[in-house]
PDB file of N, CA and C in Angstrom:
ATOM      1  N   MET A   1       7.897  10.950   2.763  1.00  0.00           N
ATOM      2  CA  MET A   1       9.088  10.684   3.706  1.00  0.00           C
ATOM      3  C   MET A   1       9.712   9.308   1.882  1.00  0.00           C
ATOM      4  N   SER A   2      11.068   9.642   1.703  1.00  0.00           N
ATOM      5  CA  SER A   2      11.452   8.899   0.632  1.00  0.00           C
ATOM      6  C   SER A   2      12.078   7.789   1.552  1.00  0.00           C
ATOM      7  N   MET A   3      12.924   6.862   0.468  1.00  0.00           N
ATOM      8  CA  MET A   3      13.523   6.071   0.568  1.00  0.00           C
ATOM      9  C   MET A   3      14.208   5.382  -0.898  1.00  0.00           C
ATOM     10  N   ASN A   4      14.985   4.502  -0.221  1.00  0.00           N
ATOM     11  CA  ASN A   4      15.448   3.662  -1.474  1.00  0.00           C
ATOM     12  C   ASN A   4      14.518   2.495  -2.054  1.00  0.00           C
ATOM     13  N   MET A   5      13.954   2.059  -3.158  1.00  0.00           N
ATOM     14  CA  MET A   5      12.842   1.423  -3.543  1.00  0.00           C
ATOM     15  C   MET A   5      13.083  -0.039  -3.466  1.00  0.00           C
ATOM     16  N   VAL A   6      12.391  -0.422  -3.399  1.00  0.00           N
ATOM     17  CA  VAL A   6      12.569  -2.041  -3.222  1.00  0.00           C
ATOM     18  C   VAL A   6      12.009  -2.607  -4.736  1.00  0.00           C
ATOM     19  N   GLU A   7      12.994  -3.541  -5.178  1.00  0.00           N
ATOM     20  CA  GLU A   7      13.003  -3.826  -6.731  1.00  0.00           C
ATOM     21  C   GLU A   7      12.344  -5.473  -6.391  1.00  0.00           C
ATOM     22  N   ARG A   8      12.570  -6.090  -6.163  1.00  0.00           N
ATOM     23  CA  ARG A   8      12.203  -7.786  -5.574  1.00  0.00           C
ATOM     24  C   ARG A   8      12.323  -7.869  -4.380  1.00  0.00           C
ATOM     25  N   PHE A   9      11.959  -9.099  -4.426  1.00  0.00           N
ATOM     26  CA  PHE A   9      11.957 -10.163  -3.087  1.00  0.00           C
ATOM     27  C   PHE A   9      12.786 -11.553  -3.223  1.00  0.00           C
ATOM     28  N   ASP A  10      13.183 -11.943  -2.450  1.00  0.00           N
ATOM     29  CA  ASP A  10      14.002 -12.930  -2.639  1.00  0.00           C
ATOM     30  C   ASP A  10      13.190 -14.301  -1.596  1.00  0.00           C
ATOM     31  N   ASP A  11      13.963 -15.495  -2.258  1.00  0.00           N
ATOM     32  CA  ASP A  11      13.827 -16.543  -1.127  1.00  0.00           C
ATOM     33  C   ASP A  11      12.105 -16.143   0.276  1.00  0.00           C
ATOM     34  N   VAL A  12      10.677 -16.372  -0.811  1.00  0.00           N
ATOM     35  CA  VAL A  12       9.769 -15.926  -0.349  1.00  0.00           C
ATOM     36  C   VAL A  12       8.628 -17.053  -0.792  1.00  0.00           C
ATOM     37  N   SER A  13       7.451 -17.097   0.091  1.00  0.00           N
ATOM     38  CA  SER A  13       6.121 -17.674  -0.257  1.00  0.00           C
ATOM     39  C   SER A  13       5.371 -16.578  -1.106  1.00  0.00           C
ATOM     40  N   VAL A  14       4.731 -16.759  -1.965  1.00  0.00           N
ATOM     41  CA  VAL A  14       3.169 -16.176  -2.150  1.00  0.00           C
ATOM     42  C   VAL A  14       2.336 -16.925  -2.153  1.00  0.00           C
ATOM     43  N   ILE A  15       0.838 -15.914  -2.011  1.00  0.00           N
ATOM     44  CA  ILE A  15      -0.082 -16.617  -2.364  1.00  0.00           C
ATOM     45  C   ILE A  15      -0.528 -16.282  -3.754  1.00  0.00           C
ATOM     46  N   CYS A  16      -1.508 -17.222  -4.191  1.00  0.00           N
ATOM     47  CA  CYS A  16      -1.410 -17.115  -5.716  1.00  0.00           C
ATOM     48  C   CYS A  16      -3.066 -16.541  -5.968  1.00  0.00           C
ATOM     49  N   LYS A  17      -3.775 -16.451  -4.730  1.00  0.00           N
ATOM     50  CA  LYS A  17      -5.738 -15.762  -4.622  1.00  0.00           C
ATOM     51  C   LYS A  17      -4.846 -14.659  -4.337  1.00  0.00           C
ATOM     52  N   ALA A  18      -5.692 -13.666  -5.469  1.00  0.00           N
ATOM     53  CA  ALA A  18      -5.332 -11.944  -5.295  1.00  0.00           C
ATOM     54  C   ALA A  18      -6.391 -11.782  -4.136  1.00  0.00           C
ATOM     55  N   ASN A  19      -5.746 -10.329  -3.834  1.00  0.00           N
ATOM     56  CA  ASN A  19      -7.145  -9.784  -2.937  1.00  0.00           C
ATOM     57  C   ASN A  19      -7.724  -8.706  -3.780  1.00  0.00           C
ATOM     58  N   ILE A  20      -8.588  -9.053  -3.732  1.00  0.00           N
ATOM     59  CA  ILE A  20      -9.188  -7.680  -4.320  1.00  0.00           C
ATOM     60  C   ILE A  20     -10.224  -7.112  -4.137  1.00  0.00           C
ATOM     61  N   TYR A  21     -10.008  -5.491  -4.033  1.00  0.00           N
ATOM     62  CA  TYR A  21     -10.736  -4.390  -3.521  1.00  0.00           C
ATOM     63  C   TYR A  21     -11.768  -3.814  -4.058  1.00  0.00           C
ATOM     64  N   PHE A  22     -12.522  -2.803  -3.836  1.00  0.00           N
ATOM     65  CA  PHE A  22     -13.440  -2.072  -4.346  1.00  0.00           C
ATOM     66  C   PHE A  22     -13.694  -2.477  -6.266  1.00  0.00           C
ATOM     67  N   ASP A  23     -14.689  -3.268  -5.938  1.00  0.00           N
ATOM     68  CA  ASP A  23     -14.698  -3.834  -6.915  1.00  0.00           C
ATOM     69  C   ASP A  23     -13.729  -4.092  -8.453  1.00  0.00           C
ATOM     70  N   GLY A  24     -12.413  -4.395  -7.842  1.00  0.00           N
ATOM     71  CA  GLY A  24     -10.890  -4.660  -7.965  1.00  0.00           C
ATOM     72  C   GLY A  24     -10.207  -3.379  -8.676  1.00  0.00           C
ATOM     73  N   LYS A  25     -10.392  -2.157  -8.324  1.00  0.00           N
ATOM     74  CA  LYS A  25      -9.916  -0.867  -8.327  1.00  0.00           C
ATOM     75  C   LYS A  25      -8.220  -0.843  -7.315  1.00  0.00           C
ATOM     76  N   VAL A  26      -8.433  -1.950  -6.813  1.00  0.00           N
ATOM     77  CA  VAL A  26      -7.460  -2.147  -6.050  1.00  0.00           C
ATOM     78  C   VAL A  26      -7.156  -3.642  -5.328  1.00  0.00           C
ATOM     79  N   ILE A  27      -5.815  -4.384  -6.124  1.00  0.00           N
ATOM     80  CA  ILE A  27      -5.410  -5.687  -6.521  1.00  0.00           C
ATOM     81  C   ILE A  27      -4.378  -5.692  -6.001  1.00  0.00           C
ATOM     82  N   SER A  28      -4.023  -6.775  -5.174  1.00  0.00           N
ATOM     83  CA  SER A  28      -2.538  -7.391  -4.370  1.00  0.00           C
ATOM     84  C   SER A  28      -2.637  -8.645  -3.955  1.00  0.00           C
ATOM     85  N   HIS A  29      -1.135  -8.931  -4.098  1.00  0.00           N
ATOM     86  CA  HIS A  29      -0.808 -10.665  -3.669  1.00  0.00           C
ATOM     87  C   HIS A  29      -0.187 -10.608  -2.311  1.00  0.00           C
ATOM     88  N   THR A  30      -0.418 -11.317  -1.377  1.00  0.00           N
ATOM     89  CA  THR A  30       0.455 -11.743  -0.175  1.00  0.00           C
ATOM     90  C   THR A  30       1.745 -12.122  -0.604  1.00  0.00           C
ATOM     91  N   ILE A  31       2.709 -11.624   0.018  1.00  0.00           N
ATOM     92  CA  ILE A  31       4.071 -12.086  -0.022  1.00  0.00           C
ATOM     93  C   ILE A  31       4.526 -12.141   1.391  1.00  0.00           C
ATOM     94  N   LEU A  32       5.016 -14.080   1.780  1.00  0.00           N
ATOM     95  CA  LEU A  32       5.533 -14.084   3.218  1.00  0.00           C
ATOM     96  C   LEU A  32       6.847 -14.691   3.382  1.00  0.00           C
ATOM     97  N   PHE A  33       7.593 -14.136   4.505  1.00  0.00           N
ATOM     98  CA  PHE A  33       9.390 -14.475   4.644  1.00  0.00           C
ATOM     99  C   PHE A  33       9.020 -15.510   5.523  1.00  0.00           C
ATOM    100  N   LYS A  34      10.342 -16.007   5.472  1.00  0.00           N
ATOM    101  CA  LYS A  34      10.775 -17.477   6.318  1.00  0.00           C
ATOM    102  C   LYS A  34      11.113 -16.603   7.754  1.00  0.00           C
ATOM    103  N   ASP A  35      10.942 -15.307   8.186  1.00  0.00           N
ATOM    104  CA  ASP A  35      10.914 -14.802   9.243  1.00  0.00           C
ATOM    105  C   ASP A  35       9.623 -14.559   9.701  1.00  0.00           C
ATOM    106  N   GLY A  36       8.476 -14.678   8.674  1.00  0.00           N
ATOM    107  CA  GLY A  36       7.521 -14.418   9.774  1.00  0.00           C
ATOM    108  C   GLY A  36       6.621 -13.535   9.202  1.00  0.00           C
ATOM    109  N   LYS A  37       7.198 -12.510   8.754  1.00  0.00           N
ATOM    110  CA  LYS A  37       6.722 -10.668   7.986  1.00  0.00           C
ATOM    111  C   LYS A  37       6.073 -11.666   7.110  1.00  0.00           C
ATOM    112  N   LYS A  38       5.043 -10.670   6.605  1.00  0.00           N
ATOM    113  CA  LYS A  38       3.729 -10.528   6.134  1.00  0.00           C
ATOM    114  C   LYS A  38       3.513  -9.042   5.268  1.00  0.00           C
ATOM    115  N   LYS A  39       3.830  -9.158   3.732  1.00  0.00           N
ATOM    116  CA  LYS A  39       3.732  -7.763   3.157  1.00  0.00           C
ATOM    117  C   LYS A  39       2.662  -8.215   1.586  1.00  0.00           C
ATOM    118  N   THR A  40       1.980  -7.164   1.151  1.00  0.00           N
ATOM    119  CA  THR A  40       1.021  -7.112  -0.154  1.00  0.00           C
ATOM    120  C   THR A  40       1.788  -6.140  -1.206  1.00  0.00           C
ATOM    121  N   VAL A  41       1.833  -6.891  -2.033  1.00  0.00           N
ATOM    122  CA  VAL A  41       2.526  -6.231  -3.501  1.00  0.00           C
ATOM    123  C   VAL A  41       1.165  -5.846  -4.192  1.00  0.00           C
ATOM    124  N   GLY A  42       1.460  -4.468  -4.910  1.00  0.00           N
ATOM    125  CA  GLY A  42      -0.446  -4.617  -5.303  1.00  0.00           C
ATOM    126  C   GLY A  42      -0.885  -3.378  -6.122  1.00  0.00           C
ATOM    127  N   VAL A  43      -1.734  -2.520  -7.109  1.00  0.00           N
ATOM    128  CA  VAL A  43      -1.997  -2.079  -7.492  1.00  0.00           C
ATOM    129  C   VAL A  43      -3.154  -1.476  -7.496  1.00  0.00           C
ATOM    130  N   ILE A  44      -3.369   0.067  -7.590  1.00  0.00           N
ATOM    131  CA  ILE A  44      -4.108   0.905  -7.025  1.00  0.00           C
ATOM    132  C   ILE A  44      -4.904   1.467  -8.759  1.00  0.00           C
ATOM    133  N   PHE A  45      -6.150   1.174  -9.286  1.00  0.00           N
ATOM    134  CA  PHE A  45      -6.571   2.271 -10.286  1.00  0.00           C
ATOM    135  C   PHE A  45      -7.175   3.185  -9.813  1.00  0.00           C
ATOM    136  N   PRO A  46      -7.368   4.202 -10.652  1.00  0.00           N
ATOM    137  CA  PRO A  46      -7.831   5.345 -10.174  1.00  0.00           C
ATOM    138  C   PRO A  46      -8.658   5.693  -9.284  1.00  0.00           C
ATOM    139  N   GLY A  47      -8.861   6.451  -8.405  1.00  0.00           N
ATOM    140  CA  GLY A  47     -10.437   6.461  -7.333  1.00  0.00           C
ATOM    141  C   GLY A  47     -10.034   7.296  -6.101  1.00  0.00           C
ATOM    142  N   LEU A  48     -11.219   6.991  -4.961  1.00  0.00           N
ATOM    143  CA  LEU A  48     -10.761   7.290  -3.890  1.00  0.00           C
ATOM    144  C   LEU A  48     -11.004   6.151  -2.751  1.00  0.00           C
ATOM    145  N   PHE A  49     -10.751   5.745  -1.712  1.00  0.00           N
ATOM    146  CA  PHE A  49     -10.360   4.447  -1.051  1.00  0.00           C
ATOM    147  C   PHE A  49     -10.254   4.946   0.425  1.00  0.00           C
ATOM    148  N   THR A  50     -10.521   3.988   1.327  1.00  0.00           N
ATOM    149  CA  THR A  50     -10.746   4.268   2.329  1.00  0.00           C
ATOM    150  C   THR A  50     -10.486   2.606   2.913  1.00  0.00           C
ATOM    151  N   PHE A  51      -9.625   2.404   3.927  1.00  0.00           N
ATOM    152  CA  PHE A  51      -8.812   1.399   4.028  1.00  0.00           C
ATOM    153  C   PHE A  51      -8.877   1.391   5.651  1.00  0.00           C
ATOM    154  N   ASN A  52      -9.456   0.288   6.210  1.00  0.00           N
ATOM    155  CA  ASN A  52      -8.804   0.443   8.399  1.00  0.00           C
ATOM    156  C   ASN A  52      -7.661  -0.735   8.284  1.00  0.00           C
ATOM    157  N   THR A  53      -7.120  -0.486   8.870  1.00  0.00           N
ATOM    158  CA  THR A  53      -6.016  -1.132   9.314  1.00  0.00           C
ATOM    159  C   THR A  53      -5.936  -2.111  11.190  1.00  0.00           C
ATOM    160  N   ASP A  54      -5.698  -2.921  10.906  1.00  0.00           N
ATOM    161  CA  ASP A  54      -5.592  -4.301  12.543  1.00  0.00           C
ATOM    162  C   ASP A  54      -4.085  -3.409  12.844  1.00  0.00           C
ATOM    163  N   ALA A  55      -3.363  -3.893  11.816  1.00  0.00           N
ATOM    164  CA  ALA A  55      -2.136  -3.474  12.626  1.00  0.00           C
ATOM    165  C   ALA A  55      -1.533  -2.426  11.874  1.00  0.00           C
ATOM    166  N   PRO A  56      -0.286  -1.723  12.035  1.00  0.00           N
ATOM    167  CA  PRO A  56       0.503  -0.542  10.962  1.00  0.00           C
ATOM    168  C   PRO A  56       0.984  -1.008  10.452  1.00  0.00           C
ATOM    169  N   GLU A  57       0.756  -0.272   9.276  1.00  0.00           N
ATOM    170  CA  GLU A  57       1.431  -0.272   7.636  1.00  0.00           C
ATOM    171  C   GLU A  57       2.113   0.508   7.429  1.00  0.00           C
ATOM    172  N   ARG A  58       3.016   0.094   6.608  1.00  0.00           N
ATOM    173  CA  ARG A  58       4.020   0.837   5.949  1.00  0.00           C
ATOM    174  C   ARG A  58       3.840   0.814   4.230  1.00  0.00           C
ATOM    175  N   MET A  59       3.060   1.910   3.611  1.00  0.00           N
ATOM    176  CA  MET A  59       2.599   1.861   2.655  1.00  0.00           C
ATOM    177  C   MET A  59       3.704   2.733   0.875  1.00  0.00           C
ATOM    178  N   GLU A  60       4.106   2.305   0.639  1.00  0.00           N
ATOM    179  CA  GLU A  60       5.448   2.532   0.092  1.00  0.00           C
ATOM    180  C   GLU A  60       5.212   2.732  -1.794  1.00  0.00           C
ATOM    181  N   ILE A  61       5.295   3.464  -1.933  1.00  0.00           N
ATOM    182  CA  ILE A  61       4.382   4.053  -3.801  1.00  0.00           C
ATOM    183  C   ILE A  61       6.103   3.698  -4.624  1.00  0.00           C
ATOM    184  N   ILE A  62       5.850   2.444  -5.129  1.00  0.00           N
ATOM    185  CA  ILE A  62       6.900   1.953  -6.254  1.00  0.00           C
ATOM    186  C   ILE A  62       6.985   2.824  -7.388  1.00  0.00           C
ATOM    187  N   ALA A  63       5.456   2.681  -7.838  1.00  0.00           N
ATOM    188  CA  ALA A  63       5.168   3.616  -9.414  1.00  0.00           C
ATOM    189  C   ALA A  63       4.477   4.704  -9.498  1.00  0.00           C
ATOM    190  N   GLY A  64       3.903   5.624 -10.137  1.00  0.00           N
ATOM    191  CA  GLY A  64       2.363   6.410 -10.293  1.00  0.00           C
ATOM    192  C   GLY A  64       3.266   6.802  -9.234  1.00  0.00           C
ATOM    193  N   SER A  65       1.373   7.538  -9.032  1.00  0.00           N
ATOM    194  CA  SER A  65       1.355   8.870  -8.295  1.00  0.00           C
ATOM    195  C   SER A  65      -0.200   8.065  -6.750  1.00  0.00           C
ATOM    196  N   CYS A  66      -0.249   8.773  -5.744  1.00  0.00           N
ATOM    197  CA  CYS A  66      -1.368   9.114  -5.329  1.00  0.00           C
ATOM    198  C   CYS A  66      -1.450  10.171  -4.018  1.00  0.00           C
ATOM    199  N   ARG A  67      -2.834  10.188  -3.887  1.00  0.00           N
ATOM    200  CA  ARG A  67      -2.619  11.247  -2.094  1.00  0.00           C
ATOM    201  C   ARG A  67      -3.017  10.370  -1.110  1.00  0.00           C
ATOM    202  N   ALA A  68      -2.815  10.597  -0.378  1.00  0.00           N
ATOM    203  CA  ALA A  68      -3.439   9.854   1.103  1.00  0.00           C
ATOM    204  C   ALA A  68      -3.486  10.742   2.419  1.00  0.00           C
ATOM    205  N   LYS A  69      -4.530  10.683   3.008  1.00  0.00           N
ATOM    206  CA  LYS A  69      -4.759  11.543   4.061  1.00  0.00           C
ATOM    207  C   LYS A  69      -4.933  10.082   5.662  1.00  0.00           C
ATOM    208  N   GLN A  70      -4.386  10.338   6.654  1.00  0.00           N
ATOM    209  CA  GLN A  70      -4.991   9.914   7.856  1.00  0.00           C
ATOM    210  C   GLN A  70      -6.297  10.127   8.679  1.00  0.00           C
ATOM    211  N   SER A  71      -6.439   8.673   8.994  1.00  0.00           N
ATOM    212  CA  SER A  71      -7.817   9.429  10.222  1.00  0.00           C
ATOM    213  C   SER A  71      -7.315  10.300  11.156  1.00  0.00           C
ATOM    214  N   GLY A  72      -8.873  11.026  10.491  1.00  0.00           N
ATOM    215  CA  GLY A  72      -8.733  12.384  11.784  1.00  0.00           C
ATOM    216  C   GLY A  72      -8.109  14.109  10.971  1.00  0.00           C
ATOM    217  N   SER A  73      -7.317  13.369  10.095  1.00  0.00           N
ATOM    218  CA  SER A  73      -6.669  14.497   9.431  1.00  0.00           C
ATOM    219  C   SER A  73      -7.411  15.343   7.905  1.00  0.00           C
ATOM    220  N   ASP A  74      -7.009  16.164   8.102  1.00  0.00           N
ATOM    221  CA  ASP A  74      -7.455  16.768   6.463  1.00  0.00           C
ATOM    222  C   ASP A  74      -6.812  17.085   5.773  1.00  0.00           C
ATOM    223  N   HIS A  75      -5.507  16.606   6.209  1.00  0.00           N
ATOM    224  CA  HIS A  75      -4.582  17.343   5.008  1.00  0.00           C
ATOM    225  C   HIS A  75      -3.872  16.055   4.093  1.00  0.00           C
ATOM    226  N   TRP A  76      -4.249  16.316   2.865  1.00  0.00           N
ATOM    227  CA  TRP A  76      -3.793  14.949   1.995  1.00  0.00           C
ATOM    228  C   TRP A  76      -2.693  15.233   1.622  1.00  0.00           C
ATOM    229  N   ALA A  77      -1.677  14.175   1.444  1.00  0.00           N
ATOM    230  CA  ALA A  77      -0.445  14.716   1.478  1.00  0.00           C
ATOM    231  C   ALA A  77       0.195  13.786  -0.068  1.00  0.00           C
ATOM    232  N   PRO A  78       0.967  14.069  -1.110  1.00  0.00           N
ATOM    233  CA  PRO A  78       0.832  13.596  -2.310  1.00  0.00           C
ATOM    234  C   PRO A  78       2.224  12.050  -2.155  1.00  0.00           C
ATOM    235  N   TYR A  79       2.395  11.209  -2.620  1.00  0.00           N
ATOM    236  CA  TYR A  79       3.122  10.301  -2.774  1.00  0.00           C
ATOM    237  C   TYR A  79       3.700   9.966  -3.883  1.00  0.00           C
ATOM    238  N   GLY A  80       4.927  10.064  -4.626  1.00  0.00           N
ATOM    239  CA  GLY A  80       5.322   8.910  -5.673  1.00  0.00           C
ATOM    240  C   GLY A  80       5.733   8.338  -5.448  1.00  0.00           C
ATOM    241  N   PRO A  81       6.809   7.874  -6.743  1.00  0.00           N
ATOM    242  CA  PRO A  81       7.800   6.702  -6.172  1.00  0.00           C
ATOM    243  C   PRO A  81       8.938   6.858  -5.402  1.00  0.00           C
ATOM    244  N   GLY A  82       9.418   6.029  -4.733  1.00  0.00           N
ATOM    245  CA  GLY A  82      10.445   6.055  -3.564  1.00  0.00           C
ATOM    246  C   GLY A  82       9.862   7.039  -2.505  1.00  0.00           C
ATOM    247  N   THR A  83       8.851   6.758  -2.122  1.00  0.00           N
ATOM    248  CA  THR A  83       7.955   7.317  -0.949  1.00  0.00           C
ATOM    249  C   THR A  83       7.232   6.562  -0.385  1.00  0.00           C
ATOM    250  N   PHE A  84       6.875   6.925   0.613  1.00  0.00           N
ATOM    251  CA  PHE A  84       6.391   6.144   1.316  1.00  0.00           C
ATOM    252  C   PHE A  84       5.209   6.735   3.223  1.00  0.00           C
ATOM    253  N   PHE A  85       4.697   6.274   3.309  1.00  0.00           N
ATOM    254  CA  PHE A  85       3.585   7.195   4.715  1.00  0.00           C
ATOM    255  C   PHE A  85       3.113   5.134   5.509  1.00  0.00           C
ATOM    256  N   LEU A  86       3.337   5.714   6.559  1.00  0.00           N
ATOM    257  CA  LEU A  86       3.094   5.052   7.586  1.00  0.00           C
ATOM    258  C   LEU A  86       1.901   5.138   8.408  1.00  0.00           C
ATOM    259  N   VAL A  87       0.791   3.825   8.696  1.00  0.00           N
ATOM    260  CA  VAL A  87      -0.415   4.060   9.081  1.00  0.00           C
ATOM    261  C   VAL A  87      -0.583   3.368  10.676  1.00  0.00           C
ATOM    262  N   PRO A  88      -1.052   4.118  11.632  1.00  0.00           N
ATOM    263  CA  PRO A  88      -1.159   3.257  12.546  1.00  0.00           C
ATOM    264  C   PRO A  88      -1.990   2.048  12.596  1.00  0.00           C
ATOM    265  N   GLY A  89      -1.883   1.657  13.826  1.00  0.00           N
ATOM    266  CA  GLY A  89      -2.581  -0.140  14.013  1.00  0.00           C
ATOM    267  C   GLY A  89      -3.930   1.066  14.154  1.00  0.00           C
ATOM    268  N   LYS A  90      -4.988   0.029  13.750  1.00  0.00           N
ATOM    269  CA  LYS A  90      -6.431   0.143  14.697  1.00  0.00           C
ATOM    270  C   LYS A  90      -6.861   1.493  14.376  1.00  0.00           C
ATOM    271  N   SER A  91      -6.717   1.954  13.153  1.00  0.00           N
ATOM    272  CA  SER A  91      -6.914   3.060  12.087  1.00  0.00           C
ATOM    273  C   SER A  91      -7.459   3.483  10.868  1.00  0.00           C
ATOM    274  N   SER A  92      -7.574   4.114  10.179  1.00  0.00           N
ATOM    275  CA  SER A  92      -7.463   4.277   8.547  1.00  0.00           C
ATOM    276  C   SER A  92      -7.103   5.003   8.231  1.00  0.00           C
ATOM    277  N   PHE A  93      -7.102   5.138   6.853  1.00  0.00           N
ATOM    278  CA  PHE A  93      -6.288   6.334   5.726  1.00  0.00           C
ATOM    279  C   PHE A  93      -7.237   6.272   4.690  1.00  0.00           C
ATOM    280  N   GLU A  94      -7.300   6.994   3.956  1.00  0.00           N
ATOM    281  CA  GLU A  94      -8.191   7.292   2.767  1.00  0.00           C
ATOM    282  C   GLU A  94      -7.027   7.284   1.541  1.00  0.00           C
ATOM    283  N   ILE A  95      -6.410   6.725   0.660  1.00  0.00           N
ATOM    284  CA  ILE A  95      -6.411   6.685  -0.712  1.00  0.00           C
ATOM    285  C   ILE A  95      -6.670   7.590  -2.032  1.00  0.00           C
ATOM    286  N   ALA A  96      -6.181   7.677  -2.340  1.00  0.00           N
ATOM    287  CA  ALA A  96      -6.674   8.565  -3.988  1.00  0.00           C
ATOM    288  C   ALA A  96      -5.685   8.596  -4.704  1.00  0.00           C
ATOM    289  N   VAL A  97      -6.333   7.825  -6.186  1.00  0.00           N
ATOM    290  CA  VAL A  97      -5.463   8.263  -6.808  1.00  0.00           C
ATOM    291  C   VAL A  97      -5.497   8.705  -8.235  1.00  0.00           C
ATOM    292  N   ASP A  98      -5.338   9.523  -9.043  1.00  0.00           N
ATOM    293  CA  ASP A  98      -6.101  10.213  -9.461  1.00  0.00           C
ATOM    294  C   ASP A  98      -5.789  10.159 -11.183  1.00  0.00           C
ATOM    295  N   GLU A  99      -5.123   9.971 -11.237  1.00  0.00           N
ATOM    296  CA  GLU A  99      -4.961   9.010 -13.043  1.00  0.00           C
ATOM    297  C   GLU A  99      -3.823   7.945 -13.253  1.00  0.00           C
ATOM    298  N   GLY A 100      -3.928   7.414 -13.839  1.00  0.00           N
ATOM    299  CA  GLY A 100      -2.711   6.011 -14.376  1.00  0.00           C
ATOM    300  C   GLY A 100      -3.265   5.265 -12.807  1.00  0.00           C
ATOM    301  N   VAL A 101      -2.000   4.179 -12.898  1.00  0.00           N
ATOM    302  CA  VAL A 101      -2.429   3.604 -11.605  1.00  0.00           C
ATOM    303  C   VAL A 101      -0.787   3.221 -10.376  1.00  0.00           C
ATOM    304  N   ALA A 102      -0.940   3.031  -9.595  1.00  0.00           N
ATOM    305  CA  ALA A 102      -0.403   3.411  -8.335  1.00  0.00           C
ATOM    306  C   ALA A 102       0.014   1.650  -8.220  1.00  0.00           C
ATOM    307  N   GLU A 103       1.452   1.712  -7.933  1.00  0.00           N
ATOM    308  CA  GLU A 103       1.960   0.301  -7.412  1.00  0.00           C
ATOM    309  C   GLU A 103       2.787   0.492  -6.145  1.00  0.00           C
ATOM    310  N   TYR A 104       1.909  -0.382  -5.429  1.00  0.00           N
ATOM    311  CA  TYR A 104       2.575  -0.488  -3.813  1.00  0.00           C
ATOM    312  C   TYR A 104       3.291  -1.610  -3.226  1.00  0.00           C
ATOM    313  N   VAL A 105       3.871  -1.393  -2.037  1.00  0.00           N
ATOM    314  CA  VAL A 105       3.906  -2.825  -1.016  1.00  0.00           C
ATOM    315  C   VAL A 105       3.943  -2.467   0.168  1.00  0.00           C
ATOM    316  N   CYS A 106       3.005  -2.943   0.351  1.00  0.00           N
ATOM    317  CA  CYS A 106       2.851  -3.110   2.287  1.00  0.00           C
ATOM    318  C   CYS A 106       3.036  -3.587   3.027  1.00  0.00           C
ATOM    319  N   SER A 107       3.412  -2.678   3.867  1.00  0.00           N
ATOM    320  CA  SER A 107       4.293  -3.783   5.133  1.00  0.00           C
ATOM    321  C   SER A 107       3.537  -3.992   6.425  1.00  0.00           C
ATOM    322  N   PHE A 108       3.136  -5.158   7.259  1.00  0.00           N
ATOM    323  CA  PHE A 108       2.481  -5.341   8.036  1.00  0.00           C
ATOM    324  C   PHE A 108       3.602  -5.394   8.936  1.00  0.00           C
ATOM    325  N   GLU A 109       3.604  -4.271  10.394  1.00  0.00           N
ATOM    326  CA  GLU A 109       4.531  -4.042  11.135  1.00  0.00           C
ATOM    327  C   GLU A 109       3.863  -4.754  12.564  1.00  0.00           C
TER     328      GLU A 109
END
C-alpha cells in the first residue's frame, strides 16, 4: 500500500533510551503523542528478523527497502519509501532487509 510519507512529528515527547533488537541490527526510539498514541521511529540493518505483535501495527517505510511476510503466509511482499503494511495484533511478521538500511515508522493502533 502507498501513502504520503511523514517527514516530521511536532509537539511530541521522545523516550531517549533506544529500543535495541537483534544485536543492534534493529534500533528505534519511542514517540509519545498528547492524545496517548505511540509510535516508534527506527532503522533496520541488513538481515532477516521476526517480530511478535501485541497490538495491531502499521509499518511505514520512510527510506530504503525491505520485504515482509505475515504470520502464516508464504508470500514475501516488497516495500519501499512511501509504502506500508498492516500487522494484526497478537500476531507476528518477518521483515528482511537485503542491502542498505530501511527506515520506518511503526504506529501502534
